[in-house]
Amino acid sequence: MSKVKVYHYDAFSNEPNMGNPAGVVLDGDQFTEKEMQEIALKVGFNETAFPLKSDKADVRIRYFTPGHEMNLCGHATMAAIYALKTKELLKEKSDLTIETKAGVLPIRINRNSQNEIDITMKQASPQFKEFNGSVEDLAFSIGLKKDDIEPNLPILYGSTGTWTLLIPIKTLSAFKRMKPNNKLFPSILKEMPMASVHPFCLETYDSNAHMHARHFSSPFSGTIEDPVTGTASGVMGAYYAKYIADNNVLNLNLLIEQGQEIGRDGRVEVNVMKSEDSYEVEITGKAVFVKEIEVFI
């Protein structure tokens, strides 16, 4: 048995035990893929990040849920970059690149007026695909009725690195009634059986926020709900730009709230810049160290 040190950070919050927990293993190069998967399973968070050496970027990051590897993860990126920066492993670098399975992506690190570290991550170009399944079955799978879904906005698969199904919901009150049964997702999401599900609405708890959401994991991931989701917030911002905002707006700054229903209040800032035929998406967030964890493999 080998002992592995895992650092627990909470991302998209500056308060411990809020936002989204992520594990970070700083000496990731010594582990095989199978061992990384075992570590992530034993840590039990939605994602554990493994920063590694890269010959394409400043750092490579691999992301594992308890069930499988992900191409990209927003909150675990925030946690990993915050860990590397605060442990002085990035030295003076404030602009860098990360190698992920979703491509090589730029990162910016800034200190705000409160001397807090803000991390900005550019995501992959947004993609959208149609959902052609049963809306009634989809609503049932998250504990709602078809009438809870907003009919004037499209239900779409979206990705800025990781595919999720974006579901517009009429009212904020519906989010407290949600009870996901993610075992049903693959049979309903026939086009993308491994996608997660991301209901959202335009009503918010925070008057400064533009959108509210929850995020329900694919059953293959080994988890049920992701408290505050960076990749889904990014593609949700692109959805807002394409389907909700005035078409003449070229630069949108959105604040996304998530996690309130499960006591993990978090915020993601999303910037969407319209280009000729697509959008550029960046997310900005914070992270905070919580504690060290030891697991044995």
Protein backbone atom coordinates (compact mmCIF):
# COMPACT_ATOMS: atom_id res chain seq x y z
CA MET A 1 0.00 0.00 0.00
CA SER A 2 1.27 3.50 -0.87
CA LYS A 3 0.20 6.66 0.93
CA VAL A 4 -0.89 9.55 -1.31
CA LYS A 5 -1.22 13.16 -0.15
CA VAL A 6 -4.24 14.93 -1.64
CA TYR A 7 -4.91 18.63 -1.13
CA HIS A 8 -8.59 19.54 -0.74
CA TYR A 9 -9.55 22.93 -2.21
CA ASP A 10 -12.98 24.49 -2.64
CA ALA A 11 -13.36 26.28 -5.97
CA PHE A 12 -15.64 29.14 -7.01
CA SER A 13 -15.66 30.42 -3.45
CA ASN A 14 -13.25 32.06 -1.03
CA GLU A 15 -14.95 30.36 1.93
CA PRO A 16 -14.04 26.80 2.96
CA ASN A 17 -16.93 24.33 2.63
CA MET A 18 -18.68 26.48 0.04
CA GLY A 19 -18.31 26.25 -3.74
CA ASN A 20 -17.13 22.98 -5.25
CA PRO A 21 -14.60 20.64 -3.58
CA ALA A 22 -11.73 19.26 -5.65
CA GLY A 23 -8.75 17.12 -4.86
CA VAL A 24 -5.31 18.09 -6.16
CA VAL A 25 -2.38 15.65 -6.29
CA LEU A 26 0.78 17.64 -6.93
CA ASP A 27 3.20 14.79 -7.64
CA GLY A 28 0.97 13.29 -10.33
CA ASP A 29 3.75 12.17 -12.69
CA GLN A 30 4.59 9.22 -10.47
CA PHE A 31 1.15 7.61 -10.86
CA THR A 32 -0.27 5.44 -13.64
CA GLU A 33 -3.68 6.17 -15.12
CA LYS A 34 -5.13 3.25 -13.17
CA GLU A 35 -3.68 4.64 -9.92
CA MET A 36 -5.05 8.13 -10.65
CA GLN A 37 -8.48 6.59 -11.12
CA GLU A 38 -8.15 4.69 -7.83
CA ILE A 39 -7.07 7.85 -5.99
CA ALA A 40 -10.05 9.80 -7.38
CA LEU A 41 -12.41 7.02 -6.31
CA LYS A 42 -11.01 7.01 -2.77
CA VAL A 43 -11.07 10.81 -2.50
CA GLY A 44 -14.71 10.74 -3.63
CA PHE A 45 -15.01 14.33 -4.89
CA ASN A 46 -16.65 15.07 -8.23
CA GLU A 47 -13.15 15.61 -9.62
CA THR A 48 -9.55 15.16 -8.56
CA ALA A 49 -6.89 16.95 -10.62
CA PHE A 50 -3.39 15.71 -11.38
CA PRO A 51 -0.96 18.42 -12.61
CA LEU A 52 1.76 16.81 -14.75
CA LYS A 53 4.76 17.78 -16.86
CA SER A 54 3.92 18.83 -20.42
CA ASP A 55 5.88 19.23 -23.64
CA LYS A 56 3.06 21.34 -25.16
CA ALA A 57 2.18 23.76 -22.35
CA ASP A 58 3.35 25.06 -18.98
CA VAL A 59 1.49 22.26 -17.22
CA ARG A 60 -0.69 19.30 -18.16
CA ILE A 61 -3.76 18.51 -16.05
CA ARG A 62 -5.71 15.25 -15.99
CA TYR A 63 -9.12 15.14 -14.32
CA PHE A 64 -10.79 12.08 -12.81
CA THR A 65 -14.25 11.60 -11.34
CA PRO A 66 -14.67 8.54 -9.08
CA GLY A 67 -15.85 6.67 -12.20
CA HIS A 68 -13.85 7.89 -15.20
CA GLU A 69 -11.53 10.49 -16.70
CA MET A 70 -12.91 13.84 -17.93
CA ASN A 71 -11.56 15.91 -20.83
CA LEU A 72 -11.84 19.15 -18.87
CA CYS A 73 -13.09 20.36 -15.51
CA GLY A 74 -13.49 24.02 -14.59
CA HIS A 75 -13.54 23.83 -10.79
CA ALA A 76 -10.65 21.34 -10.60
CA THR A 77 -8.64 23.65 -12.88
CA MET A 78 -9.28 26.53 -10.46
CA ALA A 79 -8.15 24.32 -7.57
CA ALA A 80 -5.04 23.00 -9.35
CA ILE A 81 -3.84 26.41 -10.55
CA TYR A 82 -4.50 27.96 -7.13
CA ALA A 83 -2.50 25.15 -5.51
CA LEU A 84 0.42 25.55 -7.93
CA LYS A 85 0.43 29.33 -7.50
CA THR A 86 0.16 29.46 -3.70
CA LYS A 87 2.79 26.73 -3.30
CA GLU A 88 5.09 28.84 -5.55
CA LEU A 89 5.39 26.10 -8.16
CA LEU A 90 4.55 28.58 -10.91
CA LYS A 91 7.05 31.15 -9.58
CA GLU A 92 6.17 34.59 -10.96
CA LYS A 93 4.09 33.35 -13.88
CA SER A 94 0.67 34.97 -14.19
CA ASP A 95 0.00 34.00 -17.83
CA LEU A 96 0.37 30.34 -18.70
CA THR A 97 -1.09 27.50 -20.72
CA ILE A 98 -2.51 24.15 -19.63
CA GLU A 99 -2.60 20.98 -21.71
CA THR A 100 -5.91 19.12 -21.35
CA LYS A 101 -7.79 16.51 -23.37
CA ALA A 102 -9.95 19.42 -24.60
CA GLY A 103 -6.86 21.15 -26.02
CA VAL A 104 -4.20 23.62 -24.85
CA LEU A 105 -5.96 26.44 -23.00
CA PRO A 106 -4.67 29.79 -21.70
CA ILE A 107 -4.86 30.75 -18.00
CA ARG A 108 -4.48 34.20 -16.39
CA ILE A 109 -3.83 34.76 -12.70
CA ASN A 110 -4.66 38.16 -11.16
CA ARG A 111 -4.91 39.62 -7.68
CA ASN A 112 -8.07 41.66 -7.15
CA SER A 113 -8.54 44.77 -4.97
CA GLN A 114 -8.95 42.53 -1.88
CA ASN A 115 -5.61 40.84 -2.73
CA GLU A 116 -7.46 37.62 -3.56
CA ILE A 117 -6.29 35.42 -6.42
CA ASP A 118 -8.63 35.35 -9.41
CA ILE A 119 -8.05 32.64 -12.01
CA THR A 120 -9.32 33.11 -15.57
CA MET A 121 -9.51 30.13 -17.89
CA LYS A 122 -10.30 30.20 -21.59
CA GLN A 123 -12.47 27.28 -22.63
CA ALA A 124 -12.79 25.44 -25.92
CA SER A 125 -15.07 26.98 -28.57
CA PRO A 126 -18.72 26.30 -27.69
CA GLN A 127 -20.64 23.64 -29.59
CA PHE A 128 -24.38 22.91 -29.50
CA LYS A 129 -26.36 19.89 -30.65
CA GLU A 130 -30.08 19.18 -30.69
CA PHE A 131 -31.88 17.11 -28.06
CA ASN A 132 -34.58 15.01 -29.74
CA GLY A 133 -35.70 12.91 -26.79
CA SER A 134 -38.85 13.00 -24.66
CA VAL A 135 -39.18 16.28 -22.75
CA GLU A 136 -41.65 14.62 -20.38
CA ASP A 137 -39.20 11.81 -19.57
CA LEU A 138 -36.37 14.31 -19.18
CA ALA A 139 -38.37 16.37 -16.68
CA PHE A 140 -39.31 13.20 -14.77
CA SER A 141 -35.63 12.17 -14.53
CA ILE A 142 -34.89 15.31 -12.44
CA GLY A 143 -38.07 15.16 -10.37
CA LEU A 144 -40.06 17.75 -12.32
CA LYS A 145 -42.99 17.90 -14.76
CA LYS A 146 -42.92 18.94 -18.40
CA ASP A 147 -44.70 22.19 -17.43
CA ASP A 148 -41.65 23.23 -15.36
CA ILE A 149 -39.53 23.47 -18.53
CA GLU A 150 -39.47 26.79 -20.41
CA PRO A 151 -40.95 26.10 -23.88
CA ASN A 152 -39.64 29.30 -25.49
CA LEU A 153 -35.97 28.33 -25.20
CA PRO A 154 -34.31 25.25 -26.72
CA ILE A 155 -33.12 22.21 -24.80
CA LEU A 156 -29.62 21.63 -26.19
CA TYR A 157 -26.47 19.64 -25.62
CA GLY A 158 -23.63 22.11 -25.16
CA SER A 159 -19.88 21.84 -24.71
CA THR A 160 -16.87 24.06 -24.11
CA GLY A 161 -14.82 20.94 -23.43
CA THR A 162 -17.33 18.64 -21.72
CA TRP A 163 -20.84 17.81 -23.00
CA THR A 164 -23.88 18.61 -20.85
CA LEU A 165 -27.60 18.94 -21.61
CA LEU A 166 -28.80 22.51 -20.99
CA ILE A 167 -32.43 22.59 -19.80
CA PRO A 168 -34.22 25.96 -19.43
CA ILE A 169 -36.51 26.00 -16.38
CA LYS A 170 -39.34 28.51 -15.86
CA THR A 171 -38.96 29.33 -12.15
CA LEU A 172 -36.33 29.36 -9.42
CA SER A 173 -38.71 27.59 -7.03
CA ALA A 174 -38.56 24.45 -9.21
CA PHE A 175 -34.90 23.93 -8.30
CA LYS A 176 -35.76 23.03 -4.69
CA ARG A 177 -38.09 20.30 -5.97
CA MET A 178 -35.47 18.65 -8.17
CA LYS A 179 -34.64 15.02 -7.31
CA PRO A 180 -32.36 13.57 -9.97
CA ASN A 181 -32.43 9.90 -10.89
CA ASN A 182 -29.32 9.85 -13.04
CA LYS A 183 -29.68 6.14 -13.82
CA LEU A 184 -32.40 7.26 -16.25
CA PHE A 185 -30.22 9.75 -18.12
CA PRO A 186 -28.54 7.44 -20.68
CA SER A 187 -31.85 6.07 -22.01
CA ILE A 188 -33.27 9.61 -22.40
CA LEU A 189 -30.10 11.26 -23.72
CA LYS A 190 -29.96 8.92 -26.70
CA GLU A 191 -27.74 11.24 -28.77
CA MET A 192 -25.16 11.52 -25.96
CA PRO A 193 -25.78 8.88 -23.27
CA MET A 194 -22.73 9.92 -21.22
CA ALA A 195 -23.67 13.62 -20.99
CA SER A 196 -24.53 15.29 -17.71
CA VAL A 197 -27.70 17.35 -17.18
CA HIS A 198 -27.66 21.07 -16.41
CA PRO A 199 -31.01 22.75 -15.65
CA PHE A 200 -30.87 26.57 -15.43
CA CYS A 201 -33.14 29.58 -15.13
CA LEU A 202 -32.97 33.38 -15.34
CA GLU A 203 -34.39 33.92 -11.84
CA THR A 204 -31.66 34.11 -9.18
CA TYR A 205 -31.18 34.31 -5.41
CA ASP A 206 -28.46 36.93 -5.81
CA SER A 207 -29.72 40.12 -7.48
CA ASN A 208 -26.27 40.57 -9.08
CA ALA A 209 -26.40 37.14 -10.77
CA HIS A 210 -27.75 36.61 -14.28
CA MET A 211 -28.42 32.85 -14.20
CA HIS A 212 -29.00 30.11 -11.65
CA ALA A 213 -28.28 26.41 -12.21
CA ARG A 214 -27.83 22.92 -10.80
CA HIS A 215 -25.70 20.20 -12.36
CA PHE A 216 -26.53 16.49 -12.27
CA SER A 217 -23.78 14.03 -13.12
CA SER A 218 -23.83 11.18 -15.58
CA PRO A 219 -24.29 7.85 -13.77
CA PHE A 220 -20.93 6.76 -15.22
CA SER A 221 -19.11 9.41 -13.15
CA GLY A 222 -19.85 7.81 -9.78
CA THR A 223 -21.43 11.00 -8.35
CA ILE A 224 -24.91 12.55 -8.36
CA GLU A 225 -24.54 16.35 -8.28
CA ASP A 226 -21.76 18.81 -8.98
CA PRO A 227 -22.14 21.82 -6.65
CA VAL A 228 -20.67 24.59 -8.85
CA THR A 229 -19.69 23.74 -12.41
CA GLY A 230 -17.13 25.70 -14.45
CA THR A 231 -17.39 24.03 -17.86
CA ALA A 232 -21.21 24.02 -17.79
CA SER A 233 -21.25 27.67 -16.65
CA GLY A 234 -19.05 28.54 -19.63
CA VAL A 235 -21.27 26.88 -22.21
CA MET A 236 -24.34 28.27 -20.41
CA GLY A 237 -22.86 31.74 -20.97
CA ALA A 238 -22.47 30.95 -24.68
CA TYR A 239 -26.10 29.72 -24.74
CA TYR A 240 -27.18 33.02 -23.14
CA ALA A 241 -25.25 34.98 -25.79
CA LYS A 242 -26.72 32.96 -28.67
CA TYR A 243 -30.33 32.41 -27.59
CA ILE A 244 -31.20 35.04 -24.97
CA ALA A 245 -29.10 38.21 -25.35
CA ASP A 246 -29.52 40.94 -27.94
CA ASN A 247 -27.78 39.69 -31.08
CA ASN A 248 -25.87 42.97 -31.39
CA VAL A 249 -24.04 42.52 -28.07
CA LEU A 250 -20.44 41.52 -28.80
CA ASN A 251 -19.13 41.17 -25.25
CA LEU A 252 -21.11 39.77 -22.33
CA ASN A 253 -20.07 39.61 -18.67
CA LEU A 254 -22.30 37.24 -16.73
CA LEU A 255 -22.39 36.11 -13.12
CA ILE A 256 -23.58 32.53 -12.60
CA GLU A 257 -24.75 31.26 -9.21
CA GLN A 258 -24.97 27.59 -8.25
CA GLY A 259 -24.98 25.32 -5.21
CA GLN A 260 -27.52 27.13 -3.03
CA GLU A 261 -29.94 24.20 -2.79
CA ILE A 262 -27.25 21.93 -1.36
CA GLY A 263 -25.54 24.45 0.93
CA ARG A 264 -22.49 25.01 -1.34
CA ASP A 265 -23.09 28.60 -2.50
CA GLY A 266 -20.67 29.49 -5.31
CA ARG A 267 -20.14 31.99 -8.13
CA VAL A 268 -18.63 31.76 -11.61
CA GLU A 269 -17.90 34.82 -13.71
CA VAL A 270 -18.35 34.17 -17.43
CA ASN A 271 -17.15 36.41 -20.23
CA VAL A 272 -18.47 35.68 -23.73
CA MET A 273 -17.01 37.48 -26.75
CA LYS A 274 -18.78 37.13 -30.07
CA SER A 275 -16.50 36.48 -33.04
CA GLU A 276 -17.49 36.12 -36.69
CA ASP A 277 -19.23 32.78 -36.49
CA SER A 278 -18.66 31.60 -32.93
CA TYR A 279 -17.96 32.73 -29.37
CA GLU A 280 -14.90 32.89 -27.17
CA VAL A 281 -15.65 31.89 -23.59
CA GLU A 282 -13.67 32.58 -20.42
CA ILE A 283 -14.57 31.74 -16.86
CA THR A 284 -13.12 33.38 -13.75
CA GLY A 285 -13.22 32.04 -10.22
CA LYS A 286 -11.51 31.74 -6.87
CA ALA A 287 -10.36 28.84 -4.73
CA VAL A 288 -9.51 28.27 -1.08
CA PHE A 289 -7.44 25.62 0.68
CA VAL A 290 -9.43 23.42 3.08
CA LYS A 291 -7.23 20.55 4.32
CA GLU A 292 -4.87 17.72 3.45
CA ILE A 293 -6.25 14.22 2.89
CA GLU A 294 -4.32 10.94 2.87
CA VAL A 295 -5.49 7.97 0.82
CA PHE A 296 -3.88 4.57 0.37
CA ILE A 297 -3.56 2.72 -2.91
